[in-house]
C-alpha atoms as a PDB file:
ATOM      1  CA  MET A   1      -0.053   6.518 -15.126  1.00  0.00           C
ATOM      2  CA  ALA A   2      -2.141   3.347 -15.237  1.00  0.00           C
ATOM      3  CA  LYS A   3      -5.854   3.221 -16.001  1.00  0.00           C
ATOM      4  CA  ILE A   4      -7.970   0.934 -13.834  1.00  0.00           C
ATOM      5  CA  THR A   5     -11.678   0.634 -13.180  1.00  0.00           C
ATOM      6  CA  LEU A   6     -13.508   1.239  -9.921  1.00  0.00           C
ATOM      7  CA  LYS A   7     -17.160   0.197  -9.861  1.00  0.00           C
ATOM      8  CA  GLY A   8     -17.135   0.288 -13.658  1.00  0.00           C
ATOM      9  CA  ASN A   9     -15.653   3.795 -13.857  1.00  0.00           C
ATOM     10  CA  GLU A  10     -12.210   4.377 -15.357  1.00  0.00           C
ATOM     11  CA  VAL A  11      -9.750   6.069 -12.990  1.00  0.00           C
ATOM     12  CA  ASN A  12      -6.058   6.912 -13.261  1.00  0.00           C
ATOM     13  CA  THR A  13      -3.345   6.017 -10.768  1.00  0.00           C
ATOM     14  CA  ASN A  14      -0.504   8.392  -9.836  1.00  0.00           C
ATOM     15  CA  SER A  15       2.038   6.184 -11.579  1.00  0.00           C
ATOM     16  CA  GLU A  16       2.414   2.800 -13.218  1.00  0.00           C
ATOM     17  CA  ILE A  17       1.360  -0.255 -11.226  1.00  0.00           C
ATOM     18  CA  VAL A  18       4.301  -2.245  -9.867  1.00  0.00           C
ATOM     19  CA  THR A  19       4.484  -5.797 -11.201  1.00  0.00           C
ATOM     20  CA  VAL A  20       5.141  -8.864  -9.070  1.00  0.00           C
ATOM     21  CA  GLY A  21       8.875  -9.354  -8.555  1.00  0.00           C
ATOM     22  CA  SER A  22       9.878  -5.807  -9.453  1.00  0.00           C
ATOM     23  CA  SER A  23      11.431  -3.321  -7.050  1.00  0.00           C
ATOM     24  CA  ALA A  24       9.069  -0.864  -5.417  1.00  0.00           C
ATOM     25  CA  PRO A  25       9.772   2.797  -6.126  1.00  0.00           C
ATOM     26  CA  ASP A  26      10.621   4.985  -3.148  1.00  0.00           C
ATOM     27  CA  PHE A  27       7.556   6.502  -1.504  1.00  0.00           C
ATOM     28  CA  THR A  28       6.632   8.424   1.637  1.00  0.00           C
ATOM     29  CA  LEU A  29       4.064   7.312   4.216  1.00  0.00           C
ATOM     30  CA  VAL A  30       3.137   8.406   7.727  1.00  0.00           C
ATOM     31  CA  ASP A  31       4.083   6.139  10.640  1.00  0.00           C
ATOM     32  CA  SER A  32       2.125   5.561  13.851  1.00  0.00           C
ATOM     33  CA  ASP A  33       3.812   8.615  15.438  1.00  0.00           C
ATOM     34  CA  LEU A  34       2.727  10.794  12.465  1.00  0.00           C
ATOM     35  CA  ASN A  35       6.287  11.082  11.140  1.00  0.00           C
ATOM     36  CA  ASN A  36       7.015  10.854   7.423  1.00  0.00           C
ATOM     37  CA  VAL A  37       8.985   7.733   6.550  1.00  0.00           C
ATOM     38  CA  SER A  38      10.051   6.481   3.157  1.00  0.00           C
ATOM     39  CA  LEU A  39      10.969   3.100   1.779  1.00  0.00           C
ATOM     40  CA  SER A  40      14.618   4.145   1.890  1.00  0.00           C
ATOM     41  CA  ASN A  41      14.362   4.378   5.714  1.00  0.00           C
ATOM     42  CA  PHE A  42      14.260   0.581   5.720  1.00  0.00           C
ATOM     43  CA  ASN A  43      17.212  -0.257   3.462  1.00  0.00           C
ATOM     44  CA  ASN A  44      18.669  -3.732   4.012  1.00  0.00           C
ATOM     45  CA  LYS A  45      15.571  -4.854   5.942  1.00  0.00           C
ATOM     46  CA  ASN A  46      12.821  -7.206   4.850  1.00  0.00           C
ATOM     47  CA  LYS A  47       9.589  -5.365   4.185  1.00  0.00           C
ATOM     48  CA  ILE A  48       5.958  -6.452   4.010  1.00  0.00           C
ATOM     49  CA  LEU A  49       3.520  -3.893   2.669  1.00  0.00           C
ATOM     50  CA  SER A  50      -0.174  -4.166   3.404  1.00  0.00           C
ATOM     51  CA  ILE A  51      -2.091  -1.462   1.606  1.00  0.00           C
ATOM     52  CA  VAL A  52      -5.857  -1.102   1.791  1.00  0.00           C
ATOM     53  CA  PRO A  53      -8.022   1.548   0.133  1.00  0.00           C
ATOM     54  CA  SER A  54     -10.047   2.462   3.220  1.00  0.00           C
ATOM     55  CA  LEU A  55     -10.183   1.161   6.781  1.00  0.00           C
ATOM     56  CA  ASP A  56     -13.785   2.326   7.150  1.00  0.00           C
ATOM     57  CA  THR A  57     -15.091  -0.615   5.124  1.00  0.00           C
ATOM     58  CA  PRO A  58     -15.755  -4.029   6.705  1.00  0.00           C
ATOM     59  CA  VAL A  59     -13.672  -5.943   4.142  1.00  0.00           C
ATOM     60  CA  CYS A  60     -10.616  -3.695   4.558  1.00  0.00           C
ATOM     61  CA  GLN A  61     -10.954  -3.769   8.360  1.00  0.00           C
ATOM     62  CA  LYS A  62     -11.119  -7.567   8.399  1.00  0.00           C
ATOM     63  CA  SER A  63      -8.242  -7.909   5.937  1.00  0.00           C
ATOM     64  CA  THR A  64      -6.060  -5.642   8.072  1.00  0.00           C
ATOM     65  CA  MET A  65      -6.921  -7.487  11.308  1.00  0.00           C
ATOM     66  CA  VAL A  66      -6.160 -10.897   9.742  1.00  0.00           C
ATOM     67  CA  PHE A  67      -2.897  -9.558   8.276  1.00  0.00           C
ATOM     68  CA  ASN A  68      -1.798  -8.149  11.663  1.00  0.00           C
ATOM     69  CA  ASP A  69      -2.668 -11.411  13.445  1.00  0.00           C
ATOM     70  CA  LYS A  70      -0.641 -13.478  10.966  1.00  0.00           C
ATOM     71  CA  VAL A  71       2.367 -11.164  11.046  1.00  0.00           C
END
């Protein structure tokens, strides 16, 4: 578990933070059809992960829109 700060308050993550260049651990997310998918569902494919804390903030919304346009 890593300790980070959010607005000056210390919070803990669920696990260690992945470093640049390291392999991502397997995880489960929900796709656009509300199905669970994991990283292992995409073996042997290039992957780009865009993770934002909350889409109900203007910065995260803008970041996601710019990311989608560029992809």
